[in-house]
Amino acid sequence: MLNNLPYTHFYPDTETVTAGGLIMCRVFQRDTCETCGEPTEGPNAVQMDYTSILHLKLIAQFEQLPEIGYNDETGKCDCDNCA
């Protein structure tokens, strides 16, 4: 089921660890802000433990990207920095 999801990237969230000691990861599809053109974390990102995503062959992203959202005023998908 997870193989059909559009996720391409992940970054380890070392601040969030499960009771069993597993590091959680933010899993997302990389997107681009329509205003500034910078890379962003696409919509529908999820949190998963590291062992659950090993078989997905995702690209590691070691810095958190701004999230993207629809801006009603501009009609564009803007990052947190431009919204």
N, C-alpha and C. Protein backbone atom coordinates (compact mmCIF):
# COMPACT_ATOMS: atom_id res chain seq x y z
N MET A 1 0.82 -1.19 0.00
CA MET A 1 0.00 0.00 0.00
C MET A 1 0.86 1.26 0.00
N LEU A 2 1.91 1.32 0.82
CA LEU A 2 2.76 2.51 0.88
C LEU A 2 3.50 2.74 -0.42
N ASN A 3 3.74 1.71 -1.20
CA ASN A 3 4.47 1.88 -2.46
C ASN A 3 3.68 2.72 -3.45
N ASN A 4 2.35 2.82 -3.29
CA ASN A 4 1.53 3.59 -4.20
C ASN A 4 1.40 5.05 -3.80
N LEU A 5 1.96 5.44 -2.67
CA LEU A 5 1.87 6.81 -2.22
C LEU A 5 2.91 7.67 -2.92
N PRO A 6 2.64 8.98 -3.06
CA PRO A 6 3.51 9.85 -3.87
C PRO A 6 4.74 10.38 -3.15
N TYR A 7 5.14 9.79 -2.04
CA TYR A 7 6.25 10.33 -1.28
C TYR A 7 7.58 10.08 -1.97
N THR A 8 8.45 11.10 -1.94
CA THR A 8 9.75 11.00 -2.60
C THR A 8 10.90 11.26 -1.64
N HIS A 9 10.66 11.98 -0.54
CA HIS A 9 11.70 12.41 0.37
C HIS A 9 11.32 12.14 1.82
N PHE A 10 12.32 12.15 2.68
CA PHE A 10 12.07 12.08 4.11
C PHE A 10 13.17 12.81 4.85
N TYR A 11 12.87 13.23 6.06
CA TYR A 11 13.93 13.70 6.94
C TYR A 11 13.68 13.14 8.33
N PRO A 12 14.74 12.74 9.01
CA PRO A 12 14.59 12.19 10.35
C PRO A 12 14.23 13.28 11.35
N ASP A 13 13.23 13.02 12.15
CA ASP A 13 12.80 13.94 13.20
C ASP A 13 13.36 13.41 14.51
N THR A 14 14.59 13.77 14.79
CA THR A 14 15.29 13.20 15.95
C THR A 14 14.69 13.63 17.28
N GLU A 15 13.82 14.63 17.27
CA GLU A 15 13.16 15.05 18.50
C GLU A 15 11.98 14.15 18.85
N THR A 16 11.50 13.39 17.87
CA THR A 16 10.37 12.50 18.09
C THR A 16 10.84 11.05 18.01
N VAL A 17 10.79 10.37 19.14
CA VAL A 17 11.20 8.97 19.22
C VAL A 17 10.07 8.18 19.86
N THR A 18 9.76 7.01 19.33
CA THR A 18 8.69 6.19 19.88
C THR A 18 9.12 5.60 21.22
N ALA A 19 8.15 5.03 21.93
CA ALA A 19 8.45 4.40 23.22
C ALA A 19 9.44 3.26 23.05
N GLY A 20 9.46 2.61 21.88
CA GLY A 20 10.40 1.53 21.60
C GLY A 20 11.76 2.02 21.13
N GLY A 21 11.97 3.32 21.05
CA GLY A 21 13.25 3.87 20.66
C GLY A 21 13.42 4.09 19.17
N LEU A 22 12.35 3.97 18.39
CA LEU A 22 12.44 4.19 16.94
C LEU A 22 12.38 5.68 16.62
N ILE A 23 13.26 6.13 15.74
CA ILE A 23 13.24 7.52 15.30
C ILE A 23 12.12 7.71 14.29
N MET A 24 11.36 8.76 14.47
CA MET A 24 10.29 9.07 13.54
C MET A 24 10.85 9.91 12.39
N CYS A 25 10.21 9.81 11.24
CA CYS A 25 10.62 10.56 10.06
C CYS A 25 9.42 11.27 9.47
N ARG A 26 9.66 12.43 8.91
CA ARG A 26 8.64 13.16 8.16
C ARG A 26 8.80 12.71 6.72
N VAL A 27 7.73 12.18 6.13
CA VAL A 27 7.75 11.63 4.77
C VAL A 27 6.88 12.54 3.89
N PHE A 28 7.44 12.96 2.75
CA PHE A 28 6.71 13.93 1.94
C PHE A 28 7.15 13.87 0.48
N GLN A 29 6.38 14.54 -0.36
CA GLN A 29 6.76 14.75 -1.76
C GLN A 29 7.31 16.17 -1.85
N ARG A 30 8.46 16.32 -2.43
CA ARG A 30 9.08 17.64 -2.55
C ARG A 30 8.31 18.45 -3.59
N ASP A 31 8.07 19.72 -3.27
CA ASP A 31 7.29 20.61 -4.13
C ASP A 31 8.06 21.91 -4.27
N THR A 32 7.48 22.89 -4.93
CA THR A 32 8.11 24.19 -5.13
C THR A 32 7.11 25.30 -4.86
N CYS A 33 7.55 26.33 -4.16
CA CYS A 33 6.70 27.49 -3.90
C CYS A 33 6.48 28.23 -5.22
N GLU A 34 5.24 28.57 -5.52
CA GLU A 34 4.94 29.27 -6.77
C GLU A 34 5.36 30.73 -6.74
N THR A 35 5.62 31.28 -5.55
CA THR A 35 6.00 32.69 -5.44
C THR A 35 7.51 32.87 -5.49
N CYS A 36 8.24 32.16 -4.61
CA CYS A 36 9.70 32.37 -4.54
C CYS A 36 10.49 31.28 -5.27
N GLY A 37 9.88 30.17 -5.63
CA GLY A 37 10.57 29.11 -6.37
C GLY A 37 11.43 28.20 -5.52
N GLU A 38 11.44 28.41 -4.20
CA GLU A 38 12.24 27.58 -3.30
C GLU A 38 11.58 26.21 -3.10
N PRO A 39 12.39 25.18 -2.82
CA PRO A 39 11.81 23.86 -2.55
C PRO A 39 11.01 23.88 -1.25
N THR A 40 9.94 23.13 -1.24
CA THR A 40 9.07 23.04 -0.07
C THR A 40 8.67 21.60 0.18
N GLU A 41 8.12 21.38 1.34
CA GLU A 41 7.52 20.09 1.69
C GLU A 41 6.10 20.13 1.14
N GLY A 42 5.77 19.21 0.25
CA GLY A 42 4.45 19.20 -0.36
C GLY A 42 3.34 18.90 0.62
N PRO A 43 2.10 19.06 0.18
CA PRO A 43 0.97 18.77 1.06
C PRO A 43 0.88 17.27 1.35
N ASN A 44 0.15 16.93 2.38
CA ASN A 44 -0.12 15.54 2.75
C ASN A 44 1.10 14.79 3.28
N ALA A 45 2.03 15.50 3.90
CA ALA A 45 3.17 14.84 4.54
C ALA A 45 2.68 14.04 5.74
N VAL A 46 3.40 12.97 6.04
CA VAL A 46 3.02 12.11 7.17
C VAL A 46 4.24 11.83 8.04
N GLN A 47 3.98 11.38 9.25
CA GLN A 47 5.03 10.98 10.19
C GLN A 47 5.04 9.46 10.24
N MET A 48 6.20 8.84 10.04
CA MET A 48 6.33 7.39 10.07
C MET A 48 7.63 7.03 10.78
N ASP A 49 7.69 5.82 11.35
CA ASP A 49 8.96 5.44 11.96
C ASP A 49 9.92 4.98 10.87
N TYR A 50 11.21 5.12 11.16
CA TYR A 50 12.26 4.89 10.17
C TYR A 50 12.20 3.49 9.56
N THR A 51 11.93 2.47 10.36
CA THR A 51 11.92 1.11 9.83
C THR A 51 10.78 0.89 8.84
N SER A 52 9.71 1.66 8.94
CA SER A 52 8.57 1.51 8.03
C SER A 52 8.85 2.08 6.65
N ILE A 53 9.83 2.95 6.53
CA ILE A 53 10.08 3.59 5.23
C ILE A 53 11.32 3.07 4.52
N LEU A 54 12.05 2.15 5.13
CA LEU A 54 13.29 1.66 4.53
C LEU A 54 13.09 1.10 3.12
N HIS A 55 12.01 0.36 2.90
CA HIS A 55 11.78 -0.28 1.60
C HIS A 55 11.24 0.69 0.54
N LEU A 56 10.91 1.91 0.91
CA LEU A 56 10.32 2.86 -0.03
C LEU A 56 11.34 3.54 -0.94
N LYS A 57 12.63 3.44 -0.61
CA LYS A 57 13.70 4.04 -1.41
C LYS A 57 13.51 5.55 -1.59
N LEU A 58 13.29 6.22 -0.46
CA LEU A 58 13.10 7.67 -0.47
C LEU A 58 14.45 8.39 -0.42
N ILE A 59 14.47 9.62 -0.84
CA ILE A 59 15.66 10.44 -0.81
C ILE A 59 15.73 11.14 0.55
N ALA A 60 16.88 11.04 1.21
CA ALA A 60 17.04 11.68 2.51
C ALA A 60 17.20 13.18 2.35
N GLN A 61 16.45 13.91 3.12
CA GLN A 61 16.51 15.38 3.16
C GLN A 61 16.90 15.74 4.58
N PHE A 62 18.09 16.25 4.81
CA PHE A 62 18.56 16.44 6.17
C PHE A 62 18.25 17.81 6.76
N GLU A 63 17.44 18.58 6.07
CA GLU A 63 16.96 19.83 6.64
C GLU A 63 15.46 19.90 6.40
N GLN A 64 14.77 20.47 7.35
CA GLN A 64 13.32 20.59 7.21
C GLN A 64 13.01 21.72 6.23
N LEU A 65 12.17 21.43 5.26
CA LEU A 65 11.76 22.43 4.29
C LEU A 65 10.49 23.12 4.77
N PRO A 66 10.23 24.35 4.31
CA PRO A 66 8.97 24.99 4.67
C PRO A 66 7.80 24.19 4.09
N GLU A 67 6.67 24.21 4.77
CA GLU A 67 5.48 23.55 4.25
C GLU A 67 4.83 24.45 3.22
N ILE A 68 4.00 23.85 2.37
CA ILE A 68 3.33 24.61 1.32
C ILE A 68 1.83 24.58 1.60
N GLY A 69 1.18 25.66 1.22
CA GLY A 69 -0.27 25.73 1.39
C GLY A 69 -0.86 26.67 0.36
N TYR A 70 -2.15 26.52 0.13
CA TYR A 70 -2.83 27.35 -0.86
C TYR A 70 -3.13 28.72 -0.27
N ASN A 71 -2.78 29.77 -0.98
CA ASN A 71 -3.02 31.13 -0.55
C ASN A 71 -4.25 31.66 -1.27
N ASP A 72 -5.34 31.88 -0.53
CA ASP A 72 -6.60 32.35 -1.13
C ASP A 72 -6.46 33.72 -1.79
N GLU A 73 -5.60 34.58 -1.22
CA GLU A 73 -5.45 35.93 -1.74
C GLU A 73 -4.77 35.96 -3.10
N THR A 74 -3.74 35.13 -3.28
CA THR A 74 -2.98 35.14 -4.53
C THR A 74 -3.42 34.04 -5.50
N GLY A 75 -4.09 33.01 -4.99
CA GLY A 75 -4.46 31.88 -5.82
C GLY A 75 -3.30 30.98 -6.15
N LYS A 76 -2.20 31.10 -5.38
CA LYS A 76 -1.01 30.30 -5.60
C LYS A 76 -0.74 29.38 -4.42
N CYS A 77 0.10 28.39 -4.63
CA CYS A 77 0.57 27.54 -3.55
C CYS A 77 1.87 28.15 -3.05
N ASP A 78 1.82 28.75 -1.86
CA ASP A 78 2.97 29.45 -1.29
C ASP A 78 3.56 28.67 -0.13
N CYS A 79 4.85 28.87 0.09
CA CYS A 79 5.50 28.28 1.26
C CYS A 79 5.17 29.12 2.50
N ASP A 80 5.54 28.60 3.65
CA ASP A 80 5.29 29.31 4.91
C ASP A 80 5.95 30.69 4.90
N ASN A 81 7.09 30.83 4.23
CA ASN A 81 7.81 32.10 4.21
C ASN A 81 7.10 33.16 3.35
N CYS A 82 6.34 32.74 2.35
CA CYS A 82 5.69 33.70 1.46
C CYS A 82 4.21 33.92 1.77
N ALA A 83 3.62 33.02 2.53
CA ALA A 83 2.17 33.11 2.80
C ALA A 83 1.82 34.30 3.66
